[in-house]
């Protein structure tokens, strides 16, 4: 998947993978993080 130059919304889950971890992986692809949040889906 080509993400370089794309804008990305990152939604993480408190008991799973948090948004900060996902965002670090996404940044490595060259994408721009527009919004990042970790939620609790109970």
PDB file of N, CA and C in Angstrom:
ATOM      1  N   UNK A   1       0.848  -1.174   0.000  1.00  0.00           N
ATOM      2  CA  UNK A   1       0.000   0.000   0.000  1.00  0.00           C
ATOM      3  C   UNK A   1       0.895   1.240   0.000  1.00  0.00           C
ATOM      4  N   UNK A   2       0.639   2.146  -0.889  1.00  0.00           N
ATOM      5  CA  UNK A   2       1.409   3.378  -0.993  1.00  0.00           C
ATOM      6  C   UNK A   2       0.752   4.476  -0.156  1.00  0.00           C
ATOM      7  N   UNK A   3       1.416   4.903   0.920  1.00  0.00           N
ATOM      8  CA  UNK A   3       0.868   5.950   1.781  1.00  0.00           C
ATOM      9  C   UNK A   3       1.638   7.253   1.693  1.00  0.00           C
ATOM     10  N   UNK A   4       2.769   7.258   1.000  1.00  0.00           N
ATOM     11  CA  UNK A   4       3.585   8.461   0.913  1.00  0.00           C
ATOM     12  C   UNK A   4       2.773   9.614   0.327  1.00  0.00           C
ATOM     13  N   UNK A   5       2.745  10.740   1.062  1.00  0.00           N
ATOM     14  CA  UNK A   5       2.014  11.914   0.608  1.00  0.00           C
ATOM     15  C   UNK A   5       0.534  11.908   0.961  1.00  0.00           C
ATOM     16  N   UNK A   6       0.053  10.848   1.587  1.00  0.00           N
ATOM     17  CA  UNK A   6      -1.369  10.762   1.959  1.00  0.00           C
ATOM     18  C   UNK A   6      -1.570  11.346   3.357  1.00  0.00           C
ATOM     19  N   UNK A   7      -2.796  11.754   3.656  1.00  0.00           N
ATOM     20  CA  UNK A   7      -3.174  12.232   4.985  1.00  0.00           C
ATOM     21  C   UNK A   7      -3.931  11.101   5.681  1.00  0.00           C
ATOM     22  N   UNK A   8      -3.590  10.839   6.950  1.00  0.00           N
ATOM     23  CA  UNK A   8      -4.114   9.664   7.640  1.00  0.00           C
ATOM     24  C   UNK A   8      -4.710  10.038   8.987  1.00  0.00           C
ATOM     25  N   UNK A   9      -5.871   9.461   9.304  1.00  0.00           N
ATOM     26  CA  UNK A   9      -6.472   9.525  10.635  1.00  0.00           C
ATOM     27  C   UNK A   9      -6.090   8.234  11.333  1.00  0.00           C
ATOM     28  N   UNK A  10      -5.583   8.330  12.558  1.00  0.00           N
ATOM     29  CA  UNK A  10      -5.165   7.146  13.305  1.00  0.00           C
ATOM     30  C   UNK A  10      -6.053   6.995  14.532  1.00  0.00           C
ATOM     31  N   UNK A  11      -6.749   5.867  14.615  1.00  0.00           N
ATOM     32  CA  UNK A  11      -7.573   5.551  15.786  1.00  0.00           C
ATOM     33  C   UNK A  11      -7.027   4.284  16.420  1.00  0.00           C
ATOM     34  N   UNK A  12      -6.599   4.409  17.659  1.00  0.00           N
ATOM     35  CA  UNK A  12      -6.088   3.259  18.388  1.00  0.00           C
ATOM     36  C   UNK A  12      -7.078   2.827  19.449  1.00  0.00           C
ATOM     37  N   UNK A  13      -6.748   1.722  20.100  1.00  0.00           N
ATOM     38  CA  UNK A  13      -7.622   1.174  21.140  1.00  0.00           C
ATOM     39  C   UNK A  13      -6.802   0.983  22.402  1.00  0.00           C
ATOM     40  N   UNK A  14      -7.349   1.409  23.528  1.00  0.00           N
ATOM     41  CA  UNK A  14      -6.626   1.413  24.793  1.00  0.00           C
ATOM     42  C   UNK A  14      -6.099   0.040  25.176  1.00  0.00           C
ATOM     43  N   UNK A  15      -6.888  -1.000  25.017  1.00  0.00           N
ATOM     44  CA  UNK A  15      -6.480  -2.347  25.408  1.00  0.00           C
ATOM     45  C   UNK A  15      -5.833  -3.122  24.263  1.00  0.00           C
ATOM     46  N   UNK A  16      -5.716  -2.499  23.119  1.00  0.00           N
ATOM     47  CA  UNK A  16      -5.085  -3.144  21.961  1.00  0.00           C
ATOM     48  C   UNK A  16      -3.872  -2.347  21.549  1.00  0.00           C
ATOM     49  N   UNK A  17      -3.825  -1.954  20.296  1.00  0.00           N
ATOM     50  CA  UNK A  17      -2.704  -1.162  19.785  1.00  0.00           C
ATOM     51  C   UNK A  17      -3.075   0.311  19.912  1.00  0.00           C
ATOM     52  N   UNK A  18      -2.259   1.052  20.646  1.00  0.00           N
ATOM     53  CA  UNK A  18      -2.541   2.470  20.867  1.00  0.00           C
ATOM     54  C   UNK A  18      -2.176   3.299  19.645  1.00  0.00           C
ATOM     55  N   UNK A  19      -2.828   4.451  19.528  1.00  0.00           N
ATOM     56  CA  UNK A  19      -2.649   5.322  18.363  1.00  0.00           C
ATOM     57  C   UNK A  19      -1.204   5.752  18.174  1.00  0.00           C
ATOM     58  N   UNK A  20      -0.474   5.996  19.251  1.00  0.00           N
ATOM     59  CA  UNK A  20       0.912   6.442  19.132  1.00  0.00           C
ATOM     60  C   UNK A  20       1.771   5.391  18.424  1.00  0.00           C
ATOM     61  N   UNK A  21       1.546   4.125  18.727  1.00  0.00           N
ATOM     62  CA  UNK A  21       2.305   3.050  18.086  1.00  0.00           C
ATOM     63  C   UNK A  21       1.961   2.949  16.593  1.00  0.00           C
ATOM     64  N   UNK A  22       0.685   3.057  16.278  1.00  0.00           N
ATOM     65  CA  UNK A  22       0.258   3.007  14.877  1.00  0.00           C
ATOM     66  C   UNK A  22       0.836   4.198  14.116  1.00  0.00           C
ATOM     67  N   UNK A  23       0.790   5.381  14.740  1.00  0.00           N
ATOM     68  CA  UNK A  23       1.274   6.599  14.096  1.00  0.00           C
ATOM     69  C   UNK A  23       2.760   6.505  13.764  1.00  0.00           C
ATOM     70  N   UNK A  24       3.550   5.913  14.638  1.00  0.00           N
ATOM     71  CA  UNK A  24       4.984   5.772  14.364  1.00  0.00           C
ATOM     72  C   UNK A  24       5.217   4.901  13.134  1.00  0.00           C
ATOM     73  N   UNK A  25       4.434   3.858  12.984  1.00  0.00           N
ATOM     74  CA  UNK A  25       4.551   2.996  11.799  1.00  0.00           C
ATOM     75  C   UNK A  25       4.118   3.744  10.538  1.00  0.00           C
ATOM     76  N   UNK A  26       3.037   4.500  10.634  1.00  0.00           N
ATOM     77  CA  UNK A  26       2.516   5.250   9.491  1.00  0.00           C
ATOM     78  C   UNK A  26       3.510   6.329   9.054  1.00  0.00           C
ATOM     79  N   UNK A  27       4.123   7.020  10.038  1.00  0.00           N
ATOM     80  CA  UNK A  27       5.104   8.064   9.710  1.00  0.00           C
ATOM     81  C   UNK A  27       6.266   7.498   8.910  1.00  0.00           C
ATOM     82  N   UNK A  28       6.648   6.271   9.196  1.00  0.00           N
ATOM     83  CA  UNK A  28       7.762   5.633   8.485  1.00  0.00           C
ATOM     84  C   UNK A  28       7.460   5.435   7.000  1.00  0.00           C
ATOM     85  N   UNK A  29       6.178   5.433   6.626  1.00  0.00           N
ATOM     86  CA  UNK A  29       5.804   5.262   5.221  1.00  0.00           C
ATOM     87  C   UNK A  29       5.814   6.581   4.453  1.00  0.00           C
ATOM     88  N   UNK A  30       5.923   7.705   5.187  1.00  0.00           N
ATOM     89  CA  UNK A  30       5.927   9.010   4.533  1.00  0.00           C
ATOM     90  C   UNK A  30       4.576   9.689   4.528  1.00  0.00           C
ATOM     91  N   UNK A  31       3.594   9.108   5.206  1.00  0.00           N
ATOM     92  CA  UNK A  31       2.260   9.710   5.273  1.00  0.00           C
ATOM     93  C   UNK A  31       2.232  10.806   6.342  1.00  0.00           C
ATOM     94  N   UNK A  32       1.253  11.695   6.247  1.00  0.00           N
ATOM     95  CA  UNK A  32       1.074  12.772   7.216  1.00  0.00           C
ATOM     96  C   UNK A  32      -0.070  12.403   8.160  1.00  0.00           C
ATOM     97  N   UNK A  33       0.184  12.452   9.459  1.00  0.00           N
ATOM     98  CA  UNK A  33      -0.839  12.164  10.461  1.00  0.00           C
ATOM     99  C   UNK A  33      -1.659  13.435  10.663  1.00  0.00           C
ATOM    100  N   UNK A  34      -2.957  13.381  10.332  1.00  0.00           N
ATOM    101  CA  UNK A  34      -3.835  14.536  10.460  1.00  0.00           C
ATOM    102  C   UNK A  34      -4.513  14.536  11.823  1.00  0.00           C
ATOM    103  N   UNK A  35      -4.881  13.361  12.304  1.00  0.00           N
ATOM    104  CA  UNK A  35      -5.575  13.231  13.574  1.00  0.00           C
ATOM    105  C   UNK A  35      -5.168  11.910  14.211  1.00  0.00           C
ATOM    106  N   UNK A  36      -4.941  11.936  15.527  1.00  0.00           N
ATOM    107  CA  UNK A  36      -4.530  10.730  16.234  1.00  0.00           C
ATOM    108  C   UNK A  36      -5.242  10.696  17.577  1.00  0.00           C
ATOM    109  N   UNK A  37      -5.873   9.556  17.905  1.00  0.00           N
ATOM    110  CA  UNK A  37      -6.573   9.421  19.176  1.00  0.00           C
ATOM    111  C   UNK A  37      -6.633   7.965  19.577  1.00  0.00           C
ATOM    112  N   UNK A  38      -6.550   7.732  20.878  1.00  0.00           N
ATOM    113  CA  UNK A  38      -6.712   6.387  21.429  1.00  0.00           C
ATOM    114  C   UNK A  38      -8.028   6.359  22.189  1.00  0.00           C
ATOM    115  N   UNK A  39      -8.888   5.416  21.867  1.00  0.00           N
ATOM    116  CA  UNK A  39     -10.203   5.307  22.485  1.00  0.00           C
ATOM    117  C   UNK A  39     -10.299   4.030  23.301  1.00  0.00           C
ATOM    118  N   UNK A  40     -11.310   3.975  24.145  1.00  0.00           N
ATOM    119  CA  UNK A  40     -11.611   2.761  24.909  1.00  0.00           C
ATOM    120  C   UNK A  40     -12.967   2.243  24.396  1.00  0.00           C
ATOM    121  N   UNK A  41     -12.942   1.134  23.675  1.00  0.00           N
ATOM    122  CA  UNK A  41     -14.154   0.571  23.083  1.00  0.00           C
ATOM    123  C   UNK A  41     -14.644  -0.566  23.969  1.00  0.00           C
ATOM    124  N   UNK A  42     -15.396  -0.222  25.000  1.00  0.00           N
ATOM    125  CA  UNK A  42     -15.922  -1.244  25.924  1.00  0.00           C
ATOM    126  C   UNK A  42     -17.411  -1.379  25.729  1.00  0.00           C
TER     127      UNK A  42
END
